Amino acid sequence: MSERISVLKKFSLFLPAAALVVTLGMSSYSGAKSPDHGDGHGDGGKAKSHGVHWDYTGAEGPSHWGSLSADYAACGKGTKQSPINITRAALKDLEDITFNYKKSGLNILNNGHTVQANYAPGSSIKVGGKSYDLLQFHFHGPSEHTVDGVNAPIEMHLVHKSADGALAVVGVMIISGPHNSAFDNVWAFLPHEVGSRDAGVLVDAEGLLPAKRGYTTYSGSLTTPPCTEGVTWLVLNDPVTMSAKQINAFGEIFKGNNRPVQPLNRRSLSAGSN
């Protein structure tokens, strides 16, 4: 855990000037607009209307989500909201996450709030004696979770759902460093306009993960409206890298599509040492 904290504390040291523009200068959201699409944390499919438009700035920004619709009440009144600042997690002997990921054809989506890759059925994780199917993964820049108050340039969320409807999200911090070829097939088709397409290439979610899969876990929520609680968060302790060029490519589409950190409210954080 101490190694992980030291790595993430040094985010700003890894960032060349170009990447600093993406990470530290993202005070405004400039993603493509679309009518009322959520970021798909829970549905795993195509862009889906939630009825009331929300955004990352202004009168429809995060501080107002809870008042935009009764369906979004948890965004303002919930006590187990995400993201959070990860700090002082209790070191425990956590069960490993078993990743059973297979390659999938790439269906890539710009829903107006993020870039999302919908995943074919057949991939899953198992943790805590429970299996969760991988639905999709998407990105936030800068990261939504912070470590000791420090953002990473990008955070990837891999969204999973169990047979009984429970959600588990694996979070992966992405920092500036060497080019990461594992993302090439996704980044080659980053959509600048709202819509989805089948890219005709394969993507391997397993290759997007760090070699070491230790994690920090807590009970939280979706990070976008309706901010539903009861989500199991599994934030991997080790980051992966992207080049400044890769990071900036995402920043050209979405700048500041991250919800601010939320109060911990006496929740416990558990971190594995592996």
Protein backbone atom coordinates (compact mmCIF):
# COMPACT_ATOMS: atom_id res chain seq x y z
CA MET A 1 0.00 0.00 0.00
CA SER A 2 2.81 2.42 0.80
CA GLU A 3 4.33 1.86 -2.66
CA ARG A 4 1.00 2.57 -4.27
CA ILE A 5 0.54 5.82 -2.36
CA SER A 6 4.03 6.97 -3.25
CA VAL A 7 3.38 6.29 -6.94
CA LEU A 8 0.07 8.13 -7.00
CA LYS A 9 1.37 11.07 -5.00
CA LYS A 10 3.85 11.66 -7.78
CA PHE A 11 1.25 12.13 -10.53
CA SER A 12 2.30 15.74 -11.06
CA LEU A 13 5.96 14.71 -11.34
CA PHE A 14 5.12 12.33 -14.19
CA LEU A 15 3.30 14.98 -16.19
CA PRO A 16 5.03 16.83 -19.00
CA ALA A 17 3.74 20.29 -19.83
CA ALA A 18 1.27 18.97 -22.40
CA ALA A 19 -0.30 16.57 -19.93
CA LEU A 20 -0.51 19.23 -17.25
CA VAL A 21 -2.91 21.11 -19.49
CA VAL A 22 -5.17 18.07 -19.45
CA THR A 23 -4.94 17.30 -15.76
CA LEU A 24 -4.65 20.59 -13.98
CA GLY A 25 -6.37 22.87 -16.45
CA MET A 26 -9.63 20.94 -16.74
CA SER A 27 -11.87 23.38 -14.92
CA SER A 28 -14.53 23.28 -17.64
CA TYR A 29 -16.32 20.47 -19.44
CA SER A 30 -16.30 20.76 -23.20
CA GLY A 31 -17.56 17.39 -24.32
CA ALA A 32 -20.01 17.09 -27.18
CA LYS A 33 -23.56 17.82 -26.12
CA SER A 34 -26.32 15.26 -26.49
CA PRO A 35 -29.88 15.09 -25.23
CA ASP A 36 -29.94 13.57 -21.77
CA HIS A 37 -27.54 10.64 -22.06
CA GLY A 38 -26.05 9.20 -18.88
CA ASP A 39 -22.59 7.72 -18.90
CA GLY A 40 -23.92 4.19 -18.75
CA HIS A 41 -22.41 3.15 -15.41
CA GLY A 42 -25.31 0.83 -14.86
CA ASP A 43 -26.96 0.02 -18.17
CA GLY A 44 -23.98 -1.21 -20.15
CA GLY A 45 -25.63 -0.60 -23.50
CA LYS A 46 -26.19 2.16 -25.99
CA ALA A 47 -26.78 5.77 -25.00
CA LYS A 48 -29.84 5.81 -22.81
CA SER A 49 -32.12 8.70 -21.96
CA HIS A 50 -32.58 9.49 -18.28
CA GLY A 51 -35.20 12.18 -18.96
CA VAL A 52 -33.45 15.18 -17.40
CA HIS A 53 -30.27 16.64 -18.83
CA TRP A 54 -27.25 17.03 -16.57
CA ASP A 55 -23.76 18.35 -17.14
CA TYR A 56 -20.43 18.92 -15.40
CA THR A 57 -20.62 22.73 -15.15
CA GLY A 58 -23.11 25.50 -14.53
CA ALA A 59 -26.73 25.14 -13.45
CA GLU A 60 -26.77 21.46 -14.45
CA GLY A 61 -23.41 20.67 -12.84
CA PRO A 62 -22.65 18.26 -9.97
CA SER A 63 -23.66 20.59 -7.15
CA HIS A 64 -27.14 20.83 -8.70
CA TRP A 65 -27.70 17.22 -9.77
CA GLY A 66 -29.77 16.38 -6.71
CA SER A 67 -32.28 19.13 -7.47
CA LEU A 68 -32.65 18.51 -11.21
CA SER A 69 -35.02 15.57 -10.75
CA ALA A 70 -36.55 13.51 -7.97
CA ASP A 71 -34.84 10.53 -9.63
CA TYR A 72 -31.49 12.20 -8.90
CA ALA A 73 -32.18 12.85 -5.21
CA ALA A 74 -29.37 10.54 -4.08
CA CYS A 75 -26.86 12.86 -5.78
CA GLY A 76 -27.62 15.48 -3.15
CA LYS A 77 -28.89 13.49 -0.17
CA GLY A 78 -27.01 10.20 -0.42
CA THR A 79 -24.54 9.34 2.33
CA LYS A 80 -22.49 6.75 0.42
CA GLN A 81 -21.58 8.68 -2.70
CA SER A 82 -18.68 8.30 -5.13
CA PRO A 83 -16.02 9.24 -5.98
CA ILE A 84 -14.00 9.75 -2.80
CA ASN A 85 -10.49 10.71 -1.79
CA ILE A 86 -8.63 7.48 -1.06
CA THR A 87 -6.51 7.90 2.04
CA ARG A 88 -5.75 6.02 5.26
CA ALA A 89 -7.23 2.77 4.02
CA ALA A 90 -6.99 -0.13 6.44
CA LEU A 91 -4.52 -2.73 5.18
CA LYS A 92 -6.24 -6.11 4.99
CA ASP A 93 -5.73 -9.53 3.46
CA LEU A 94 -8.34 -9.07 0.75
CA GLU A 95 -9.46 -11.85 -1.56
CA ASP A 96 -7.97 -11.49 -5.03
CA ILE A 97 -10.21 -10.35 -7.85
CA THR A 98 -10.42 -13.13 -10.43
CA PHE A 99 -10.55 -11.58 -13.89
CA ASN A 100 -12.15 -13.75 -16.57
CA TYR A 101 -11.91 -11.36 -19.49
CA LYS A 102 -12.10 -12.39 -23.14
CA LYS A 103 -11.53 -10.33 -26.25
CA SER A 104 -14.52 -8.44 -27.59
CA GLY A 105 -15.46 -6.64 -30.76
CA LEU A 106 -15.23 -2.91 -30.16
CA ASN A 107 -18.53 -1.04 -30.05
CA ILE A 108 -17.51 2.49 -29.09
CA LEU A 109 -19.86 5.21 -27.94
CA ASN A 110 -19.72 8.94 -27.30
CA ASN A 111 -22.82 9.63 -25.22
CA GLY A 112 -22.09 13.30 -24.60
CA HIS A 113 -20.56 12.63 -21.19
CA THR A 114 -17.81 10.10 -21.82
CA VAL A 115 -16.26 7.68 -24.29
CA GLN A 116 -17.59 4.19 -23.57
CA ALA A 117 -16.69 0.79 -25.01
CA ASN A 118 -19.55 -1.70 -24.78
CA TYR A 119 -18.32 -5.23 -24.17
CA ALA A 120 -19.64 -8.49 -25.61
CA PRO A 121 -21.16 -11.02 -23.17
CA GLY A 122 -18.89 -13.67 -21.71
CA SER A 123 -16.38 -11.72 -19.61
CA SER A 124 -16.59 -11.38 -15.84
CA ILE A 125 -14.88 -10.90 -12.51
CA LYS A 126 -15.32 -12.85 -9.30
CA VAL A 127 -14.75 -11.30 -5.89
CA GLY A 128 -16.25 -11.94 -2.47
CA GLY A 129 -17.67 -15.22 -3.73
CA LYS A 130 -19.80 -13.39 -6.32
CA SER A 131 -19.52 -13.16 -10.11
CA TYR A 132 -20.15 -9.96 -12.04
CA ASP A 133 -20.40 -9.73 -15.83
CA LEU A 134 -18.41 -7.02 -17.60
CA LEU A 135 -20.79 -4.64 -19.38
CA GLN A 136 -18.58 -1.79 -20.55
CA PHE A 137 -15.68 0.46 -19.70
CA HIS A 138 -15.41 4.23 -19.98
CA PHE A 139 -13.14 7.11 -19.03
CA HIS A 140 -13.05 10.29 -16.91
CA GLY A 141 -10.44 13.01 -17.21
CA PRO A 142 -9.06 13.96 -14.81
CA SER A 143 -9.69 11.03 -12.48
CA GLU A 144 -12.77 11.05 -10.28
CA HIS A 145 -11.14 9.30 -7.33
CA THR A 146 -8.11 10.99 -5.83
CA VAL A 147 -5.31 9.55 -3.71
CA ASP A 148 -4.31 11.85 -0.84
CA GLY A 149 -6.00 14.65 -2.80
CA VAL A 150 -4.13 14.03 -6.06
CA ASN A 151 -5.90 13.35 -9.39
CA ALA A 152 -4.54 11.16 -12.14
CA PRO A 153 -4.89 12.46 -15.71
CA ILE A 154 -7.52 9.81 -16.57
CA GLU A 155 -9.46 7.13 -14.71
CA MET A 156 -10.98 4.10 -16.43
CA HIS A 157 -14.09 2.47 -15.00
CA LEU A 158 -14.91 -1.14 -15.90
CA VAL A 159 -18.57 -1.66 -15.03
CA HIS A 160 -19.87 -5.08 -14.00
CA LYS A 161 -23.27 -6.42 -12.97
CA SER A 162 -24.16 -9.63 -11.11
CA ALA A 163 -27.08 -11.92 -11.84
CA ASP A 164 -29.05 -10.24 -9.03
CA GLY A 165 -28.40 -6.75 -10.40
CA ALA A 166 -25.62 -5.67 -8.04
CA LEU A 167 -22.95 -3.42 -9.53
CA ALA A 168 -19.17 -3.65 -9.11
CA VAL A 169 -16.87 -1.10 -10.75
CA VAL A 170 -13.14 -1.63 -11.19
CA GLY A 171 -11.29 1.69 -11.26
CA VAL A 172 -7.91 2.02 -12.96
CA MET A 173 -5.81 5.17 -12.64
CA ILE A 174 -3.99 6.22 -15.82
CA ILE A 175 -0.85 8.33 -15.45
CA SER A 176 1.53 9.92 -17.93
CA GLY A 177 4.41 7.72 -19.04
CA PRO A 178 5.30 5.42 -21.93
CA HIS A 179 2.89 4.88 -24.80
CA ASN A 180 0.40 2.12 -23.94
CA SER A 181 -0.29 0.02 -27.03
CA ALA A 182 -3.04 -1.93 -25.23
CA PHE A 183 -5.30 1.08 -25.77
CA ASP A 184 -4.44 1.54 -29.46
CA ASN A 185 -7.54 -0.15 -30.88
CA VAL A 186 -9.77 1.97 -28.63
CA TRP A 187 -7.91 5.26 -29.13
CA ALA A 188 -7.85 4.81 -32.92
CA PHE A 189 -11.64 5.14 -32.92
CA LEU A 190 -12.22 7.80 -30.25
CA PRO A 191 -15.50 9.42 -31.32
CA HIS A 192 -15.52 13.22 -31.34
CA GLU A 193 -19.24 13.38 -32.07
CA VAL A 194 -22.17 11.86 -30.20
CA GLY A 195 -23.07 8.40 -31.46
CA SER A 196 -21.84 4.82 -31.54
CA ARG A 197 -20.17 2.56 -34.07
CA ASP A 198 -18.86 -0.97 -34.45
CA ALA A 199 -15.19 -0.40 -35.18
CA GLY A 200 -14.46 -3.81 -36.67
CA VAL A 201 -11.52 -4.47 -34.34
CA LEU A 202 -11.02 -6.47 -31.16
CA VAL A 203 -10.27 -5.06 -27.73
CA ASP A 204 -8.79 -7.03 -24.83
CA ALA A 205 -9.86 -5.58 -21.47
CA GLU A 206 -7.37 -7.84 -19.69
CA GLY A 207 -4.53 -6.00 -21.41
CA LEU A 208 -5.77 -2.63 -20.13
CA LEU A 209 -5.11 -3.60 -16.51
CA PRO A 210 -1.87 -3.29 -14.53
CA ALA A 211 0.17 -6.44 -13.94
CA LYS A 212 -0.51 -6.29 -10.20
CA ARG A 213 -4.19 -6.33 -9.30
CA GLY A 214 -4.23 -5.37 -5.61
CA TYR A 215 -7.08 -3.01 -4.84
CA THR A 216 -8.80 -0.66 -2.42
CA THR A 217 -12.50 -1.29 -1.86
CA TYR A 218 -15.45 0.56 -0.37
CA SER A 219 -19.21 0.86 -0.76
CA GLY A 220 -20.21 3.78 -2.93
CA SER A 221 -22.42 4.91 -5.79
CA LEU A 222 -22.61 5.65 -9.47
CA THR A 223 -20.64 8.83 -10.12
CA THR A 224 -23.29 10.24 -12.47
CA PRO A 225 -27.06 10.73 -12.10
CA PRO A 226 -29.01 9.03 -10.68
CA CYS A 227 -26.04 8.43 -8.29
CA THR A 228 -27.49 5.10 -7.16
CA GLU A 229 -25.82 3.73 -4.02
CA GLY A 230 -24.86 0.15 -3.22
CA VAL A 231 -22.05 -0.02 -5.78
CA THR A 232 -18.97 -2.07 -4.82
CA TRP A 233 -15.88 -0.09 -5.82
CA LEU A 234 -12.60 -1.89 -6.51
CA VAL A 235 -9.94 0.72 -7.28
CA LEU A 236 -6.73 -0.96 -8.36
CA ASN A 237 -3.69 0.09 -6.37
CA ASP A 238 -1.30 0.24 -9.32
CA PRO A 239 -1.84 2.64 -12.22
CA VAL A 240 -1.19 2.07 -15.91
CA THR A 241 0.47 4.60 -18.18
CA MET A 242 -0.43 6.46 -21.33
CA SER A 243 1.75 8.80 -23.34
CA ALA A 244 1.07 12.54 -23.22
CA LYS A 245 -0.23 12.24 -26.80
CA GLN A 246 -2.73 9.55 -25.77
CA ILE A 247 -3.87 11.56 -22.75
CA ASN A 248 -4.30 14.70 -24.81
CA ALA A 249 -6.33 12.80 -27.43
CA PHE A 250 -8.99 12.12 -24.80
CA GLY A 251 -8.74 15.70 -23.53
CA GLU A 252 -9.61 16.97 -27.00
CA ILE A 253 -13.03 15.33 -26.62
CA PHE A 254 -13.80 15.61 -22.91
CA LYS A 255 -12.29 18.10 -20.49
CA GLY A 256 -13.39 17.87 -16.90
CA ASN A 257 -15.94 15.06 -17.08
CA ASN A 258 -15.28 14.15 -13.45
CA ARG A 259 -17.56 14.51 -10.44
CA PRO A 260 -15.79 16.09 -7.44
CA VAL A 261 -14.95 13.82 -4.51
CA GLN A 262 -17.73 13.22 -2.00
CA PRO A 263 -17.68 12.96 1.83
CA LEU A 264 -16.60 9.60 3.20
CA ASN A 265 -19.21 9.78 5.99
CA ARG A 266 -17.65 7.16 8.28
CA ARG A 267 -17.34 4.55 5.56
CA SER A 268 -14.42 2.19 5.87
CA LEU A 269 -11.74 1.75 3.20
CA SER A 270 -9.94 -1.56 2.89
CA ALA A 271 -6.73 -1.98 0.89
CA GLY A 272 -5.04 -5.20 -0.13
CA SER A 273 -1.27 -5.44 -0.05
CA ASN A 274 -0.86 -7.61 -3.16
